[in-house]
Protein backbone atom coordinates (compact mmCIF):
# COMPACT_ATOMS: atom_id res chain seq x y z
CA UNK A 1 12.99 8.12 19.74
CA UNK A 2 14.12 11.22 17.57
CA UNK A 3 17.00 13.21 18.52
CA UNK A 4 14.89 16.38 17.48
CA UNK A 5 12.62 17.02 20.08
CA UNK A 6 10.79 20.15 20.98
CA UNK A 7 13.03 23.56 21.54
CA UNK A 8 14.71 24.20 24.47
CA UNK A 9 16.25 27.42 23.64
CA UNK A 10 14.21 30.63 24.06
CA UNK A 11 15.56 32.29 21.00
CA UNK A 12 17.03 31.32 17.74
CA UNK A 13 19.74 33.56 15.66
CA UNK A 14 19.79 34.12 12.21
CA UNK A 15 22.45 35.08 9.92
CA UNK A 16 21.53 38.69 10.32
CA UNK A 17 21.05 40.89 13.27
CA UNK A 18 17.34 39.60 14.42
CA UNK A 19 16.93 37.16 17.18
CA UNK A 20 13.60 35.45 16.69
CA UNK A 21 11.94 33.26 19.46
CA UNK A 22 11.50 29.47 18.39
CA UNK A 23 8.07 29.90 19.76
CA UNK A 24 7.25 32.52 17.50
CA UNK A 25 8.69 31.11 14.56
CA UNK A 26 6.49 27.63 15.26
CA UNK A 27 3.61 30.11 15.58
CA UNK A 28 4.08 31.27 12.13
CA UNK A 29 4.46 27.72 10.98
CA UNK A 30 0.99 26.94 12.27
CA UNK A 31 -0.69 29.09 9.51
CA UNK A 32 1.36 27.20 6.64
CA UNK A 33 0.41 23.96 5.03
CA UNK A 34 3.09 20.99 4.94
CA UNK A 35 4.69 21.84 1.46
CA UNK A 36 4.94 25.48 2.48
CA UNK A 37 6.81 24.36 5.84
CA UNK A 38 9.21 22.39 3.63
CA UNK A 39 9.81 25.56 1.62
CA UNK A 40 10.44 27.50 4.58
CA UNK A 41 13.09 24.88 5.82
CA UNK A 42 15.20 25.62 2.46
CA UNK A 43 15.26 29.48 3.30
CA UNK A 44 18.00 29.51 5.99
CA UNK A 45 19.72 27.24 8.53
CA UNK A 46 17.55 28.91 11.43
CA UNK A 47 14.30 27.47 9.66
CA UNK A 48 15.93 24.33 8.71
CA UNK A 49 16.48 23.57 12.25
CA UNK A 50 13.22 24.90 13.75
CA UNK A 51 11.10 22.74 10.91
CA UNK A 52 12.80 19.72 12.01
CA UNK A 53 10.88 19.78 15.79
CA UNK A 54 8.57 16.91 16.18
CA UNK A 55 5.78 19.48 17.43
CA UNK A 56 5.72 21.27 14.14
CA UNK A 57 4.82 18.00 12.40
CA UNK A 58 2.40 16.78 15.04
CA UNK A 59 0.57 19.99 14.69
CA UNK A 60 0.75 19.97 10.75
CA UNK A 61 -0.66 16.47 10.62
CA UNK A 62 -3.56 17.31 12.72
CA UNK A 63 -4.39 20.37 10.46
CA UNK A 64 -4.29 18.19 7.54
CA UNK A 65 -6.63 15.52 8.91
CA UNK A 66 -9.13 18.15 9.92
CA UNK A 67 -8.64 19.94 6.50
CA UNK A 68 -9.16 16.77 4.25
CA UNK A 69 -11.60 14.66 6.83
CA UNK A 70 -8.83 12.10 7.69
CA UNK A 71 -9.36 9.84 10.67
CA UNK A 72 -6.85 11.08 13.13
CA UNK A 73 -6.42 7.54 14.89
CA UNK A 74 -4.98 6.25 11.62
CA UNK A 75 -1.61 7.56 12.54
CA UNK A 76 0.00 6.43 15.95
CA UNK A 77 1.76 9.79 16.43
CA UNK A 78 3.64 8.28 19.46
CA UNK A 79 5.16 6.05 17.61
CA UNK A 80 6.08 7.80 14.50
CA UNK A 81 9.30 9.26 13.61
CA UNK A 82 9.63 12.82 12.44
CA UNK A 83 9.98 11.67 9.01
CA UNK A 84 6.99 9.68 9.01
CA UNK A 85 5.06 12.41 10.50
CA UNK A 86 6.09 14.73 7.42
CA UNK A 87 5.50 11.66 5.08
CA UNK A 88 1.99 11.60 6.39
CA UNK A 89 1.41 15.09 6.24
CA UNK A 90 2.40 15.74 2.78
CA UNK A 91 0.42 12.52 1.61
CA UNK A 92 -2.33 14.17 -0.66
CA UNK A 93 0.19 16.59 -2.29
CA UNK A 94 2.50 13.95 -2.89
CA UNK A 95 0.00 11.40 -4.36
CA UNK A 96 -1.25 14.19 -6.59
CA UNK A 97 2.43 14.89 -7.74
CA UNK A 98 3.19 11.36 -8.21
CA UNK A 99 0.09 10.63 -10.39
CA UNK A 100 0.73 13.77 -12.60
CA UNK A 101 4.37 12.32 -13.75
CA UNK A 102 2.08 10.15 -16.03
CA UNK A 103 0.67 11.54 -19.32
CA UNK A 104 -3.16 11.75 -19.32
CA UNK A 105 -5.11 8.24 -19.94
CA UNK A 106 -1.88 6.47 -19.13
CA UNK A 107 -2.01 3.70 -16.24
CA UNK A 108 -0.46 4.96 -12.90
CA UNK A 109 1.83 2.11 -11.38
CA UNK A 110 1.46 1.17 -7.69
CA UNK A 111 4.58 0.42 -5.79
CA UNK A 112 2.81 -2.50 -4.43
CA UNK A 113 -0.34 -4.28 -4.81
CA UNK A 114 -1.35 -6.95 -2.21
CA UNK A 115 -4.13 -9.61 -1.77
CA UNK A 116 -4.28 -10.03 2.13
CA UNK A 117 -6.61 -13.24 3.04
CA UNK A 118 -8.74 -11.97 5.32
CA UNK A 119 -10.49 -14.38 7.92
CA UNK A 120 -13.40 -13.87 9.85
CA UNK A 121 -12.32 -15.86 12.96
CA UNK A 122 -9.09 -15.62 14.48
CA UNK A 123 -8.24 -19.34 14.63
CA UNK A 124 -9.85 -20.37 11.26
CA UNK A 125 -8.62 -20.38 7.83
CA UNK A 126 -12.11 -21.70 6.32
CA UNK A 127 -14.43 -18.72 6.80
CA UNK A 128 -13.98 -16.34 3.88
CA UNK A 129 -16.23 -14.07 2.46
CA UNK A 130 -17.57 -10.43 2.22
CA UNK A 131 -19.72 -8.66 -0.37
CA UNK A 132 -19.25 -5.12 0.35
CA UNK A 133 -16.48 -2.89 2.25
CA UNK A 134 -15.81 0.87 3.66
CA UNK A 135 -12.36 1.97 3.81
CA UNK A 136 -12.29 4.91 6.41
CA UNK A 137 -10.58 8.16 5.27
CA UNK A 138 -6.62 7.78 6.14
CA UNK A 139 -6.68 4.18 4.31
CA UNK A 140 -5.63 2.19 7.44
CA UNK A 141 -9.16 0.81 8.59
CA UNK A 142 -11.14 -1.41 6.56
CA UNK A 143 -14.84 -2.27 7.42
CA UNK A 144 -15.86 -5.76 5.39
CA UNK A 145 -19.41 -7.09 5.61
CA UNK A 146 -21.18 -10.41 4.60
CA UNK A 147 -24.00 -12.43 5.95
CA UNK A 148 -24.74 -10.02 8.69
CA UNK A 149 -21.32 -10.39 9.71
CA UNK A 150 -19.25 -6.97 10.01
CA UNK A 151 -15.54 -7.14 10.61
CA UNK A 152 -12.92 -4.50 11.11
CA UNK A 153 -9.47 -4.96 9.58
CA UNK A 154 -6.45 -3.05 10.17
CA UNK A 155 -4.24 -2.48 6.59
CA UNK A 156 -1.49 -0.44 8.22
CA UNK A 157 -0.89 3.47 7.66
CA UNK A 158 1.74 2.83 5.25
CA UNK A 159 3.03 -0.01 2.97
CA UNK A 160 5.79 -0.63 5.13
CA UNK A 161 3.38 -1.98 7.81
CA UNK A 162 2.15 -5.61 7.68
CA UNK A 163 -1.54 -6.10 6.77
CA UNK A 164 -3.19 -7.97 9.56
CA UNK A 165 -5.27 -11.02 8.22
CA UNK A 166 -7.34 -11.56 11.35
CA UNK A 167 -9.75 -8.64 12.29
CA UNK A 168 -9.61 -6.45 15.13
CA UNK A 169 -13.33 -6.82 15.96
CA UNK A 170 -16.43 -8.84 14.88
CA UNK A 171 -19.93 -7.81 14.86
CA UNK A 172 -22.59 -10.44 14.41
CA UNK A 173 -26.07 -10.66 14.21
CA UNK A 174 -26.87 -7.13 13.45
CA UNK A 175 -27.36 -6.70 9.80
CA UNK A 176 -25.80 -5.06 6.94
CA UNK A 177 -23.16 -2.45 6.93
CA UNK A 178 -24.87 0.79 5.76
CA UNK A 179 -22.39 3.83 6.76
CA UNK A 180 -19.48 4.71 8.77
CA UNK A 181 -18.85 8.15 10.52
CA UNK A 182 -16.49 9.32 13.18
CA UNK A 183 -17.45 10.09 16.79
CA UNK A 184 -17.84 13.77 17.67
CA UNK A 185 -14.43 13.99 19.17
CA UNK A 186 -13.09 12.27 16.28
CA UNK A 187 -11.24 9.45 17.90
CA UNK A 188 -13.69 6.57 17.56
CA UNK A 189 -15.73 5.04 14.65
CA UNK A 190 -19.35 4.66 14.12
CA UNK A 191 -21.22 2.20 12.00
CA UNK A 192 -24.90 2.04 10.85
CA UNK A 193 -26.26 -1.35 10.28
CA UNK A 194 -29.94 -2.59 9.42
CA UNK A 195 -31.57 -6.07 10.09
CA UNK A 196 -34.88 -7.32 9.20
CA UNK A 197 -37.09 -8.48 12.16
CA UNK A 198 -39.54 -11.25 11.72
CA UNK A 199 -42.49 -11.72 13.97
CA UNK A 200 -43.73 -14.78 15.34
CA UNK A 201 -46.67 -16.02 13.73
CA UNK A 202 -48.23 -16.58 17.34
CA UNK A 203 -47.71 -13.21 18.25
CA UNK A 204 -50.56 -10.88 18.70
CA UNK A 205 -51.23 -7.93 16.48
CA UNK A 206 -53.32 -5.12 16.15
CA UNK A 207 -55.61 -4.44 13.20
CA UNK A 208 -52.99 -2.07 11.32
CA UNK A 209 -50.37 -4.45 11.87
CA UNK A 210 -52.57 -7.71 10.67
CA UNK A 211 -53.53 -5.56 7.47
CA UNK A 212 -49.69 -5.40 6.54
CA UNK A 213 -48.72 -8.79 7.60
CA UNK A 214 -45.88 -10.17 5.18
CA UNK A 215 -45.57 -13.65 4.00
CA UNK A 216 -44.45 -16.37 6.70
CA UNK A 217 -41.07 -16.04 7.58
CA UNK A 218 -40.40 -12.58 5.83
CA UNK A 219 -39.34 -9.60 7.75
CA UNK A 220 -41.95 -7.48 8.90
CA UNK A 221 -40.04 -4.40 10.35
CA UNK A 222 -36.38 -3.06 9.95
CA UNK A 223 -34.06 -2.17 12.72
CA UNK A 224 -31.68 0.91 12.49
CA UNK A 225 -28.40 0.29 14.79
CA UNK A 226 -25.47 2.39 15.45
CA UNK A 227 -22.52 0.85 16.94
CA UNK A 228 -19.28 2.40 18.30
CA UNK A 229 -15.86 1.13 18.43
CA UNK A 230 -12.30 2.47 19.58
CA UNK A 231 -10.22 0.79 16.72
CA UNK A 232 -6.73 1.78 18.59
CA UNK A 233 -7.83 -0.01 21.79
CA UNK A 234 -5.76 -2.70 21.85
CA UNK A 235 -7.46 -5.56 23.42
CA UNK A 236 -8.17 -9.22 22.75
CA UNK A 237 -11.93 -8.66 23.40
CA UNK A 238 -12.41 -5.41 21.35
CA UNK A 239 -16.08 -5.23 20.70
CA UNK A 240 -18.77 -3.00 19.20
CA UNK A 241 -20.71 -0.84 21.58
CA UNK A 242 -24.60 -0.35 20.60
CA UNK A 243 -25.27 3.39 21.15
CA UNK A 244 -28.76 3.59 19.38
CA UNK A 245 -31.47 1.28 17.99
CA UNK A 246 -34.39 2.43 16.15
CA UNK A 247 -37.21 -0.01 14.89
CA UNK A 248 -39.69 1.04 11.80
CA UNK A 249 -43.29 0.25 12.51
CA UNK A 250 -44.94 -2.73 10.69
CA UNK A 251 -46.32 -2.79 7.22
CA UNK A 252 -45.92 -4.49 4.13
CA UNK A 253 -43.14 -1.99 2.95
CA UNK A 254 -42.01 -0.61 6.47
CA UNK A 255 -39.05 -2.50 6.32
CA UNK A 256 -37.79 -1.22 2.98
CA UNK A 257 -34.94 0.94 2.93
CA UNK A 258 -34.09 2.68 -0.35
CA UNK A 259 -30.85 4.89 -1.30
CA UNK A 260 -28.13 5.34 1.34
CA UNK A 261 -27.85 6.49 4.74
CA UNK A 262 -26.23 9.60 5.77
CA UNK A 263 -24.81 8.83 9.30
CA UNK A 264 -22.77 11.59 11.65
CA UNK A 265 -21.91 11.90 15.02
CA UNK A 266 -25.23 12.79 16.24
CA UNK A 267 -27.87 11.73 13.56
CA UNK A 268 -28.88 9.69 10.83
CA UNK A 269 -30.93 10.80 7.63
CA UNK A 270 -32.13 8.13 5.16
CA UNK A 271 -35.25 7.55 2.51
CA UNK A 272 -37.69 4.90 3.70
CA UNK A 273 -40.35 4.11 1.21
CA UNK A 274 -42.05 7.63 0.39
CA UNK A 275 -40.73 9.51 3.39
CA UNK A 276 -37.53 11.06 4.53
CA UNK A 277 -36.59 10.49 8.10
CA UNK A 278 -34.29 12.43 10.24
CA UNK A 279 -33.20 10.75 13.56
CA UNK A 280 -31.15 12.00 16.29
CA UNK A 281 -29.85 8.61 17.50
CA UNK A 282 -27.66 10.36 20.09
CA UNK A 283 -30.77 12.12 21.87
CA UNK A 284 -33.27 9.68 20.51
CA UNK A 285 -35.62 12.28 18.83
CA UNK A 286 -36.40 13.10 15.17
CA UNK A 287 -38.81 13.63 12.84
CA UNK A 288 -39.90 12.61 9.11
CA UNK A 289 -41.71 14.29 6.03
CA UNK A 290 -43.22 12.96 2.63
CA UNK A 291 -40.70 12.08 -0.28
CA UNK A 292 -43.35 12.13 -2.97
CA UNK A 293 -42.13 12.17 -6.46
CA UNK A 294 -38.83 10.57 -5.67
CA UNK A 295 -37.47 7.18 -7.07
CA UNK A 296 -36.97 4.26 -4.69
CA UNK A 297 -33.04 4.76 -5.55
CA UNK A 298 -33.13 8.62 -4.79
CA UNK A 299 -29.68 9.99 -4.02
CA UNK A 300 -29.04 12.60 -1.70
CA UNK A 301 -26.53 14.34 0.44
CA UNK A 302 -26.90 16.54 3.49
CA UNK A 303 -24.77 19.72 4.12
CA UNK A 304 -25.62 20.83 7.59
CA UNK A 305 -29.33 21.78 7.60
CA UNK A 306 -29.83 21.17 3.69
CA UNK A 307 -30.45 18.22 2.11
CA UNK A 308 -29.66 17.81 -1.94
CA UNK A 309 -32.02 15.41 -3.67
CA UNK A 310 -32.19 13.81 -7.12
CA UNK A 311 -35.70 13.84 -8.28
CA UNK A 312 -37.30 11.40 -10.79
CA UNK A 313 -37.32 13.85 -13.65
CA UNK A 314 -33.43 14.25 -13.19
CA UNK A 315 -33.87 17.77 -11.29
CA UNK A 316 -31.89 18.18 -8.04
CA UNK A 317 -34.38 20.04 -5.51
CA UNK A 318 -32.68 21.82 -2.57
CA UNK A 319 -34.91 20.64 0.56
CA UNK A 320 -34.37 21.71 4.23
CA UNK A 321 -34.69 18.67 6.68
CA UNK A 322 -36.01 20.26 9.84
CA UNK A 323 -32.69 19.30 11.98
CA UNK A 324 -33.03 22.39 13.94
CA UNK A 325 -36.44 21.42 15.43
CA UNK A 326 -36.84 17.47 15.58
CA UNK A 327 -40.52 16.63 15.77
CA UNK A 328 -41.64 19.99 14.42
CA UNK A 329 -44.24 20.39 11.67
CA UNK A 330 -43.58 18.70 8.28
CA UNK A 331 -42.67 21.93 6.48
CA UNK A 332 -40.02 22.21 3.79
CA UNK A 333 -39.18 24.57 1.06
CA UNK A 334 -37.41 23.27 -2.25
CA UNK A 335 -35.73 24.54 -5.42
CA UNK A 336 -34.63 23.20 -8.52
CA UNK A 337 -31.55 23.03 -10.65
CA UNK A 338 -31.77 23.15 -14.41
CA UNK A 339 -30.97 19.96 -16.42
CA UNK A 340 -29.63 19.61 -19.86
CA UNK A 341 -31.98 18.97 -22.77
CA UNK A 342 -32.82 15.02 -23.24
CA UNK A 343 -31.31 14.14 -19.75
CA UNK A 344 -32.45 11.00 -18.70
CA UNK A 345 -31.04 10.65 -15.23
CA UNK A 346 -28.76 12.17 -12.80
CA UNK A 347 -25.79 10.68 -10.81
CA UNK A 348 -24.33 12.56 -7.72
CA UNK A 349 -20.84 12.63 -6.81
CA UNK A 350 -20.42 14.50 -3.16
CA UNK A 351 -17.91 14.88 -0.45
CA UNK A 352 -18.15 12.10 2.56
CA UNK A 353 -19.42 13.07 6.04
CA UNK A 354 -15.90 12.90 7.12
CA UNK A 355 -15.44 16.66 5.58
CA UNK A 356 -18.30 18.26 7.58
CA UNK A 357 -16.18 20.03 9.94
CA UNK A 358 -13.71 21.31 7.08
CA UNK A 359 -12.88 24.82 6.58
CA UNK A 360 -12.94 24.27 2.86
CA UNK A 361 -16.43 24.79 1.15
CA UNK A 362 -17.84 21.56 -0.08
CA UNK A 363 -18.37 20.74 -3.61
CA UNK A 364 -20.89 18.75 -5.56
CA UNK A 365 -20.62 16.99 -8.89
CA UNK A 366 -23.80 16.08 -11.08
CA UNK A 367 -23.41 13.75 -13.88
CA UNK A 368 -26.45 14.07 -16.13
CA UNK A 369 -27.08 11.17 -18.68
CA UNK A 370 -28.37 11.49 -22.13
CA UNK A 371 -28.56 9.23 -25.09
CA UNK A 372 -25.32 10.56 -26.63
CA UNK A 373 -23.21 11.78 -23.99
CA UNK A 374 -22.99 12.81 -20.58
CA UNK A 375 -22.78 16.36 -19.03
CA UNK A 376 -20.63 16.81 -15.69
CA UNK A 377 -21.90 20.27 -13.77
CA UNK A 378 -19.74 21.19 -10.75
CA UNK A 379 -21.01 23.20 -7.73
CA UNK A 380 -19.75 25.08 -4.68
CA UNK A 381 -22.00 25.01 -1.69
CA UNK A 382 -21.99 27.97 0.01
CA UNK A 383 -23.77 28.85 3.45
CA UNK A 384 -26.38 31.39 3.34
CA UNK A 385 -26.15 34.58 5.77
CA UNK A 386 -28.38 35.46 8.39
CA UNK A 387 -30.36 33.21 10.87
CA UNK A 388 -33.21 32.49 8.34
CA UNK A 389 -35.81 30.28 8.98
CA UNK A 390 -35.29 26.84 10.62
CA UNK A 391 -37.30 25.34 7.53
CA UNK A 392 -35.43 27.20 4.99
CA UNK A 393 -32.31 25.85 3.16
CA UNK A 394 -28.96 26.92 4.73
CA UNK A 395 -26.69 26.12 1.96
CA UNK A 396 -26.92 27.29 -1.81
CA UNK A 397 -25.41 25.47 -4.96
CA UNK A 398 -23.10 27.84 -6.76
CA UNK A 399 -22.15 26.94 -10.46
CA UNK A 400 -18.62 26.11 -11.00
CA UNK A 401 -18.30 25.01 -14.68
CA UNK A 402 -19.34 22.10 -16.69
CA UNK A 403 -17.98 19.83 -19.25
CA UNK A 404 -18.98 17.19 -21.67
CA UNK A 405 -15.76 15.49 -21.97
CA UNK A 406 -15.30 13.90 -18.59
CA UNK A 407 -12.76 11.49 -19.54
CA UNK A 408 -11.51 13.59 -22.26
CA UNK A 409 -11.11 13.46 -25.76
CA UNK A 410 -11.30 9.94 -27.35
CA UNK A 411 -11.14 7.99 -24.10
CA UNK A 412 -12.44 4.29 -24.52
CA UNK A 413 -14.69 5.18 -21.69
CA UNK A 414 -16.19 8.11 -22.89
CA UNK A 415 -19.67 6.49 -22.31
CA UNK A 416 -20.93 7.29 -18.61
CA UNK A 417 -21.92 3.97 -17.21
CA UNK A 418 -19.72 4.00 -14.22
CA UNK A 419 -20.07 4.05 -10.65
CA UNK A 420 -18.94 7.11 -8.40
CA UNK A 421 -17.94 7.03 -4.87
CA UNK A 422 -17.06 10.11 -3.13
CA UNK A 423 -15.55 13.90 -4.32
CA UNK A 424 -12.30 14.40 -2.51
CA UNK A 425 -10.36 17.80 -1.95
CA UNK A 426 -6.78 17.65 -2.58
CA UNK A 427 -4.98 21.13 -2.32
CA UNK A 428 -6.78 23.29 -5.01
CA UNK A 429 -7.90 20.40 -7.01
CA UNK A 430 -10.82 17.99 -6.82
CA UNK A 431 -10.60 14.21 -7.47
CA UNK A 432 -13.07 11.66 -8.49
CA UNK A 433 -12.36 7.90 -8.82
CA UNK A 434 -14.57 5.77 -11.23
CA UNK A 435 -15.22 2.39 -12.72
CA UNK A 436 -14.51 2.16 -16.36
CA UNK A 437 -16.54 0.13 -18.95
CA UNK A 438 -13.57 -2.15 -19.29
CA UNK A 439 -13.69 -2.90 -15.66
CA UNK A 440 -10.90 -0.67 -14.39
CA UNK A 441 -10.48 2.58 -12.22
CA UNK A 442 -9.86 5.93 -13.45
CA UNK A 443 -9.10 8.87 -11.52
CA UNK A 444 -10.19 12.37 -12.71
CA UNK A 445 -8.83 15.74 -11.49
CA UNK A 446 -10.89 19.13 -11.68
CA UNK A 447 -10.18 22.42 -10.74
CA UNK A 448 -11.48 24.01 -7.60
CA UNK A 449 -13.74 26.74 -8.51
CA UNK A 450 -12.45 30.18 -7.44
CA UNK A 451 -15.80 31.94 -8.45
CA UNK A 452 -19.31 31.55 -9.88
CA UNK A 453 -19.02 30.49 -13.36
CA UNK A 454 -20.83 28.50 -16.27
CA UNK A 455 -17.78 28.14 -18.31
CA UNK A 456 -16.46 24.73 -19.47
CA UNK A 457 -13.76 22.89 -17.50
CA UNK A 458 -11.32 20.33 -18.63
CA UNK A 459 -10.88 17.34 -16.29
CA UNK A 460 -7.40 15.46 -16.66
CA UNK A 461 -8.10 11.56 -16.33
CA UNK A 462 -5.58 8.87 -15.34
CA UNK A 463 -6.06 5.09 -15.14
CA UNK A 464 -5.36 3.72 -11.61
CA UNK A 465 -6.08 0.07 -12.15
CA UNK A 466 -5.75 -1.52 -15.51
CA UNK A 467 -8.95 -2.55 -17.55
CA UNK A 468 -10.07 -6.15 -16.72
CA UNK A 469 -8.67 -6.06 -13.11
CA UNK A 470 -11.97 -5.53 -11.23
CA UNK A 471 -14.50 -8.34 -10.83
CA UNK A 472 -17.65 -8.19 -13.30
CA UNK A 473 -20.91 -6.23 -12.13
CA UNK A 474 -18.76 -4.47 -9.41
CA UNK A 475 -21.02 -2.49 -7.01
CA UNK A 476 -20.21 0.79 -5.61
CA UNK A 477 -19.47 -0.44 -2.07
CA UNK A 478 -16.94 -2.78 -3.80
CA UNK A 479 -14.12 -0.69 -4.23
CA UNK A 480 -12.56 2.30 -2.24
CA UNK A 481 -10.47 5.19 -3.09
CA UNK A 482 -8.46 7.33 -0.69
CA UNK A 483 -6.17 9.86 -2.17
CA UNK A 484 -4.88 11.23 1.12
CA UNK A 485 -3.21 7.89 1.58
CA UNK A 486 -2.60 6.97 -1.86
CA UNK A 487 -4.39 3.84 -1.53
CA UNK A 488 -7.09 1.88 -3.62
CA UNK A 489 -8.93 -1.39 -2.36
CA UNK A 490 -10.98 -3.29 -4.74
CA UNK A 491 -12.31 -6.72 -5.50
CA UNK A 492 -10.25 -8.57 -8.00
CA UNK A 493 -11.41 -9.84 -11.46
CA UNK A 494 -11.23 -13.62 -10.05
CA UNK A 495 -15.00 -12.71 -8.59
CA UNK A 496 -13.98 -14.75 -5.47
CA UNK A 497 -14.92 -13.48 -2.12
CA UNK A 498 -11.22 -13.37 -0.88
CA UNK A 499 -9.94 -11.77 -3.74
CA UNK A 500 -9.49 -8.07 -2.20
CA UNK A 501 -6.65 -6.18 -3.38
CA UNK A 502 -4.71 -3.50 -1.96
CA UNK A 503 -2.92 -1.09 -3.99
CA UNK A 504 -0.50 1.45 -2.71
CA UNK A 505 0.72 4.70 -4.94
CA UNK A 506 2.78 6.15 -2.19
CA UNK A 507 6.33 5.21 -1.08
CA UNK A 508 6.96 5.34 2.46
CA UNK A 509 9.89 6.98 3.75
CA UNK A 510 13.14 5.26 3.36
CA UNK A 511 16.12 7.75 4.35
CA UNK A 512 16.76 8.52 7.99
CA UNK A 513 16.23 12.14 8.91
CA UNK A 514 19.20 13.81 8.97
CA UNK A 515 19.77 16.52 11.83
CA UNK A 516 21.32 19.89 11.11
CA UNK A 517 25.10 20.25 12.56
């Protein structure tokens, strides 16, 4: 237990003639970021003392989690010292500052890289293997999936904490892991899985089903499951709890999901064949509308009531999902963004669902591919004023700059054939992590747009993982990056299923907190 607890005196006296209530000082600190609080600490002995109170950093860490979409249960705050709370609160700022100490295009060296030998079963060393994983924002909890087995692992909230090789919980028989999201209260985790269902050859089917019957033994429908789990509920029999189930109708292509699933605390949004589906799994209501003209691999991202979609012609429409009136008429409004001449395709990089409740404006990166180069266009997503129609878009993409040198001049990975996960916000900068042509990981930093502009921007790129370190033909869900914790997780170059590497770029606190005399 730390010696610095919540303040007991009713007032704190400075060197001058003023007397300040400690509650007033702490109220002022609630409007400051972690680095500003540390700056205030240096002003005088009074501020130095107040900024060492535990409650100041508990509140600061909570604000940081809400601002950057960090899963709050990542941190066992009741067990953490004041210094650890300070360390966690300043994590995003210190990570960027540490990276910028290197020269652009230089490889950033992690303080430690571990290769934990994860196991499915608690008492067996024989069951290895996972094809995909998902790192929860905060860098502590990791989901893996292989052969319809989903495992939840605890990597620890800092590199000082031992990585547990056995899973906290296992989910078998519910299909492949598709998405992860927080619950409404932010204290538990939700996952979406999909599983094919095979109908018995002796089962009776109607004429419509018979016309769409697939080959014997092939899935004839798809089931979407929503499960919930509390990773901090320490129990030997910690289990996933099924919260929703949606079976899609039978047919030759009814089980085919394309693209990703946008999962939130209340609904799931996805593309299935030639239609978009909105399912309020919490209330078991929903609707669907045609997705004509869209590729099977259509990318999309939902911003409240507006869905941003990539068309086959490389353009990005602005389409409104009728999330305010589930089951209503299939009406929608669309608008398009211009594409560069000669564009052959478009890739989208958007913030994760974890940032939905953040007070910061979301941003969107579009990478247009051409025969000779690639164009990056940055947008800020601004809410439209007024109530408007429930079937009109509620968000507007505002241009925030562009660049044709995403990796800078003469970078060896100048041709853009890389994988993009999410777009992260750290302080006043945007961060993207991509794979390189040489099987490494690159981190690019872009400025946050302060106004609508068509001007050119200049990203700064650093190598996080050296060339040749990633497995060949790595996929988007086979590496993860969390700038809030300074942690990267990826499949190693050996290609073995148990070669998952955890690289930490933030040093944990080492010196004990010195209290003022």
